[in-house]
Amino acid sequence: MSRFNKINIEHFANLVQEISIKRYTQEEFVKIVEELYMSIFRHNTKGEYVIETMPYDKDNWKVYRPTQTKEEALLIINGGKNEKE
């Protein structure tokens, strides 16, 4: 394991330990942990590479596939809306 990965894992573990479990429902807690994970590792929990689109949006992480076309990527980033609309 590289030093960079080790530091990221330690950082993630420290942040998760600071979350007050009593303040959140299970669903909210899972969402918070997933957000932290994607912020640090740039992958979702399914192992797919993700890109951040707009900060503070409800769903600001989009899955990036290396086989997708420019148009498909822009459609994902724009939330399913074409640029012409």
N, C-alpha and C. Protein backbone atom coordinates (compact mmCIF):
# COMPACT_ATOMS: atom_id res chain seq x y z
N MET A 1 0.85 -1.17 0.00
CA MET A 1 0.00 0.00 0.00
C MET A 1 0.89 1.24 0.00
N SER A 2 0.55 2.18 -0.86
CA SER A 2 1.36 3.40 -0.94
C SER A 2 1.11 4.29 0.27
N ARG A 3 2.05 5.15 0.53
CA ARG A 3 1.92 6.09 1.65
C ARG A 3 0.70 6.99 1.44
N PHE A 4 0.45 7.40 0.20
CA PHE A 4 -0.70 8.24 -0.11
C PHE A 4 -2.00 7.54 0.26
N ASN A 5 -2.14 6.27 -0.13
CA ASN A 5 -3.35 5.51 0.21
C ASN A 5 -3.51 5.32 1.71
N LYS A 6 -2.40 5.07 2.38
CA LYS A 6 -2.44 4.89 3.83
C LYS A 6 -2.92 6.17 4.52
N ILE A 7 -2.43 7.31 4.08
CA ILE A 7 -2.84 8.60 4.65
C ILE A 7 -4.33 8.83 4.39
N ASN A 8 -4.80 8.53 3.17
CA ASN A 8 -6.21 8.69 2.85
C ASN A 8 -7.10 7.80 3.72
N ILE A 9 -6.69 6.57 3.92
CA ILE A 9 -7.46 5.63 4.74
C ILE A 9 -7.52 6.12 6.19
N GLU A 10 -6.39 6.58 6.71
CA GLU A 10 -6.36 7.09 8.08
C GLU A 10 -7.24 8.34 8.22
N HIS A 11 -7.18 9.21 7.23
CA HIS A 11 -8.00 10.42 7.24
C HIS A 11 -9.49 10.07 7.21
N PHE A 12 -9.87 9.14 6.35
CA PHE A 12 -11.25 8.68 6.26
C PHE A 12 -11.70 8.09 7.59
N ALA A 13 -10.89 7.23 8.18
CA ALA A 13 -11.24 6.60 9.46
C ALA A 13 -11.43 7.65 10.55
N ASN A 14 -10.54 8.64 10.61
CA ASN A 14 -10.67 9.70 11.61
C ASN A 14 -11.96 10.49 11.44
N LEU A 15 -12.29 10.82 10.20
CA LEU A 15 -13.51 11.59 9.95
C LEU A 15 -14.77 10.79 10.31
N VAL A 16 -14.79 9.51 9.98
CA VAL A 16 -15.95 8.67 10.29
C VAL A 16 -16.10 8.55 11.81
N GLN A 17 -15.01 8.44 12.53
CA GLN A 17 -15.08 8.31 13.98
C GLN A 17 -15.63 9.57 14.64
N GLU A 18 -15.50 10.71 13.98
CA GLU A 18 -15.99 11.97 14.55
C GLU A 18 -17.49 12.18 14.35
N ILE A 19 -18.12 11.37 13.52
CA ILE A 19 -19.56 11.52 13.27
C ILE A 19 -20.33 11.03 14.49
N SER A 20 -21.23 11.86 14.98
CA SER A 20 -22.08 11.50 16.11
C SER A 20 -23.24 10.65 15.58
N ILE A 21 -23.18 9.37 15.83
CA ILE A 21 -24.17 8.44 15.31
C ILE A 21 -25.57 8.73 15.86
N LYS A 22 -25.65 9.22 17.07
CA LYS A 22 -26.95 9.49 17.71
C LYS A 22 -27.74 10.58 17.00
N ARG A 23 -27.07 11.45 16.27
CA ARG A 23 -27.74 12.58 15.63
C ARG A 23 -28.42 12.23 14.31
N TYR A 24 -28.10 11.07 13.74
CA TYR A 24 -28.57 10.74 12.40
C TYR A 24 -29.30 9.41 12.37
N THR A 25 -30.20 9.28 11.39
CA THR A 25 -30.80 7.98 11.14
C THR A 25 -29.77 7.12 10.42
N GLN A 26 -30.04 5.84 10.30
CA GLN A 26 -29.12 4.94 9.60
C GLN A 26 -28.92 5.39 8.16
N GLU A 27 -30.00 5.79 7.50
CA GLU A 27 -29.93 6.23 6.10
C GLU A 27 -29.07 7.50 5.96
N GLU A 28 -29.25 8.45 6.86
CA GLU A 28 -28.44 9.68 6.83
C GLU A 28 -26.98 9.38 7.09
N PHE A 29 -26.72 8.48 8.05
CA PHE A 29 -25.35 8.11 8.38
C PHE A 29 -24.65 7.47 7.18
N VAL A 30 -25.33 6.56 6.50
CA VAL A 30 -24.76 5.91 5.32
C VAL A 30 -24.43 6.95 4.25
N LYS A 31 -25.34 7.90 4.03
CA LYS A 31 -25.13 8.95 3.03
C LYS A 31 -23.91 9.81 3.39
N ILE A 32 -23.76 10.15 4.66
CA ILE A 32 -22.62 10.96 5.10
C ILE A 32 -21.31 10.21 4.87
N VAL A 33 -21.29 8.94 5.24
CA VAL A 33 -20.07 8.13 5.06
C VAL A 33 -19.73 7.99 3.58
N GLU A 34 -20.76 7.77 2.74
CA GLU A 34 -20.51 7.67 1.30
C GLU A 34 -19.96 8.98 0.73
N GLU A 35 -20.47 10.12 1.18
CA GLU A 35 -19.98 11.41 0.73
C GLU A 35 -18.51 11.59 1.12
N LEU A 36 -18.17 11.24 2.35
CA LEU A 36 -16.78 11.32 2.78
C LEU A 36 -15.90 10.41 1.92
N TYR A 37 -16.36 9.19 1.71
CA TYR A 37 -15.60 8.22 0.92
C TYR A 37 -15.33 8.73 -0.49
N MET A 38 -16.38 9.26 -1.14
CA MET A 38 -16.22 9.75 -2.51
C MET A 38 -15.34 10.99 -2.55
N SER A 39 -15.42 11.83 -1.53
CA SER A 39 -14.59 13.03 -1.49
C SER A 39 -13.10 12.67 -1.39
N ILE A 40 -12.80 11.66 -0.62
CA ILE A 40 -11.39 11.30 -0.40
C ILE A 40 -10.85 10.38 -1.49
N PHE A 41 -11.62 9.36 -1.87
CA PHE A 41 -11.11 8.33 -2.78
C PHE A 41 -11.55 8.50 -4.24
N ARG A 42 -12.51 9.37 -4.52
CA ARG A 42 -13.01 9.62 -5.88
C ARG A 42 -13.60 8.39 -6.54
N HIS A 43 -14.09 7.46 -5.72
CA HIS A 43 -14.82 6.28 -6.19
C HIS A 43 -16.04 6.12 -5.30
N ASN A 44 -17.12 5.57 -5.85
CA ASN A 44 -18.26 5.29 -4.99
C ASN A 44 -18.07 3.93 -4.35
N THR A 45 -19.03 3.52 -3.54
CA THR A 45 -18.88 2.25 -2.83
C THR A 45 -19.04 1.04 -3.74
N LYS A 46 -19.40 1.27 -5.01
CA LYS A 46 -19.46 0.19 -6.00
C LYS A 46 -18.15 0.08 -6.78
N GLY A 47 -17.18 0.95 -6.48
CA GLY A 47 -15.90 0.92 -7.16
C GLY A 47 -15.84 1.72 -8.44
N GLU A 48 -16.91 2.47 -8.75
CA GLU A 48 -16.95 3.26 -9.97
C GLU A 48 -16.30 4.63 -9.72
N TYR A 49 -15.51 5.10 -10.68
CA TYR A 49 -14.89 6.42 -10.57
C TYR A 49 -15.98 7.48 -10.66
N VAL A 50 -15.93 8.46 -9.78
CA VAL A 50 -16.95 9.52 -9.77
C VAL A 50 -16.30 10.88 -9.93
N ILE A 51 -17.09 11.80 -10.48
CA ILE A 51 -16.64 13.18 -10.61
C ILE A 51 -17.63 14.07 -9.88
N GLU A 52 -17.12 15.14 -9.28
CA GLU A 52 -17.98 16.07 -8.58
C GLU A 52 -18.50 17.08 -9.58
N THR A 53 -19.78 17.36 -9.53
CA THR A 53 -20.35 18.31 -10.49
C THR A 53 -20.57 19.67 -9.83
N MET A 54 -21.55 19.80 -9.01
CA MET A 54 -21.84 21.07 -8.37
C MET A 54 -21.81 20.89 -6.85
N PRO A 55 -21.01 21.68 -6.16
CA PRO A 55 -20.98 21.54 -4.70
C PRO A 55 -22.35 21.83 -4.08
N TYR A 56 -22.65 21.10 -3.04
CA TYR A 56 -23.86 21.27 -2.25
C TYR A 56 -25.15 20.88 -2.96
N ASP A 57 -25.07 20.30 -4.16
CA ASP A 57 -26.26 19.74 -4.78
C ASP A 57 -26.62 18.45 -4.06
N LYS A 58 -27.87 18.05 -4.17
CA LYS A 58 -28.28 16.81 -3.51
C LYS A 58 -27.49 15.62 -4.05
N ASP A 59 -27.35 15.54 -5.34
CA ASP A 59 -26.59 14.45 -5.97
C ASP A 59 -25.45 15.06 -6.78
N ASN A 60 -24.41 15.50 -6.08
CA ASN A 60 -23.34 16.19 -6.79
C ASN A 60 -22.24 15.26 -7.29
N TRP A 61 -22.38 13.96 -7.11
CA TRP A 61 -21.40 13.00 -7.63
C TRP A 61 -22.01 12.24 -8.79
N LYS A 62 -21.29 12.20 -9.90
CA LYS A 62 -21.75 11.48 -11.08
C LYS A 62 -20.72 10.42 -11.44
N VAL A 63 -21.20 9.28 -11.90
CA VAL A 63 -20.32 8.16 -12.29
C VAL A 63 -19.69 8.49 -13.64
N TYR A 64 -18.39 8.29 -13.72
CA TYR A 64 -17.67 8.51 -14.98
C TYR A 64 -17.28 7.16 -15.55
N ARG A 65 -17.63 6.94 -16.80
CA ARG A 65 -17.22 5.71 -17.50
C ARG A 65 -16.27 6.11 -18.62
N PRO A 66 -15.12 5.50 -18.72
CA PRO A 66 -14.17 5.88 -19.77
C PRO A 66 -14.69 5.65 -21.19
N THR A 67 -15.74 4.83 -21.34
CA THR A 67 -16.27 4.54 -22.68
C THR A 67 -17.37 5.52 -23.09
N GLN A 68 -17.77 6.41 -22.20
CA GLN A 68 -18.85 7.29 -22.57
C GLN A 68 -18.37 8.42 -23.48
N THR A 69 -19.28 8.86 -24.31
CA THR A 69 -18.96 9.94 -25.24
C THR A 69 -19.01 11.28 -24.51
N LYS A 70 -18.49 12.29 -25.15
CA LYS A 70 -18.52 13.64 -24.59
C LYS A 70 -19.96 14.06 -24.31
N GLU A 71 -20.85 13.75 -25.24
CA GLU A 71 -22.26 14.11 -25.09
C GLU A 71 -22.89 13.41 -23.89
N GLU A 72 -22.58 12.12 -23.70
CA GLU A 72 -23.10 11.39 -22.55
C GLU A 72 -22.59 11.98 -21.24
N ALA A 73 -21.32 12.31 -21.20
CA ALA A 73 -20.74 12.90 -19.99
C ALA A 73 -21.40 14.24 -19.68
N LEU A 74 -21.59 15.07 -20.69
CA LEU A 74 -22.23 16.37 -20.46
C LEU A 74 -23.68 16.20 -20.02
N LEU A 75 -24.36 15.20 -20.54
CA LEU A 75 -25.74 14.93 -20.15
C LEU A 75 -25.80 14.54 -18.68
N ILE A 76 -24.87 13.72 -18.22
CA ILE A 76 -24.81 13.32 -16.81
C ILE A 76 -24.52 14.54 -15.94
N ILE A 77 -23.53 15.32 -16.33
CA ILE A 77 -23.14 16.50 -15.54
C ILE A 77 -24.28 17.51 -15.45
N ASN A 78 -25.00 17.68 -16.54
CA ASN A 78 -26.10 18.65 -16.57
C ASN A 78 -27.40 18.09 -16.00
N GLY A 79 -27.35 16.95 -15.39
CA GLY A 79 -28.54 16.38 -14.76
C GLY A 79 -29.59 15.90 -15.72
N GLY A 80 -29.17 15.42 -16.90
CA GLY A 80 -30.12 14.89 -17.87
C GLY A 80 -30.68 15.91 -18.82
N LYS A 81 -30.17 17.13 -18.76
CA LYS A 81 -30.68 18.19 -19.64
C LYS A 81 -29.68 18.45 -20.75
N ASN A 82 -30.18 18.55 -21.98
CA ASN A 82 -29.33 18.89 -23.10
C ASN A 82 -28.96 20.35 -23.03
N GLU A 83 -27.81 20.71 -23.62
CA GLU A 83 -27.38 22.10 -23.63
C GLU A 83 -28.34 22.99 -24.43
N LYS A 84 -29.03 22.41 -25.41
CA LYS A 84 -29.91 23.18 -26.30
C LYS A 84 -31.21 23.57 -25.62
N GLU A 85 -31.55 22.91 -24.53
CA GLU A 85 -32.83 23.19 -23.85
C GLU A 85 -32.82 24.52 -23.14
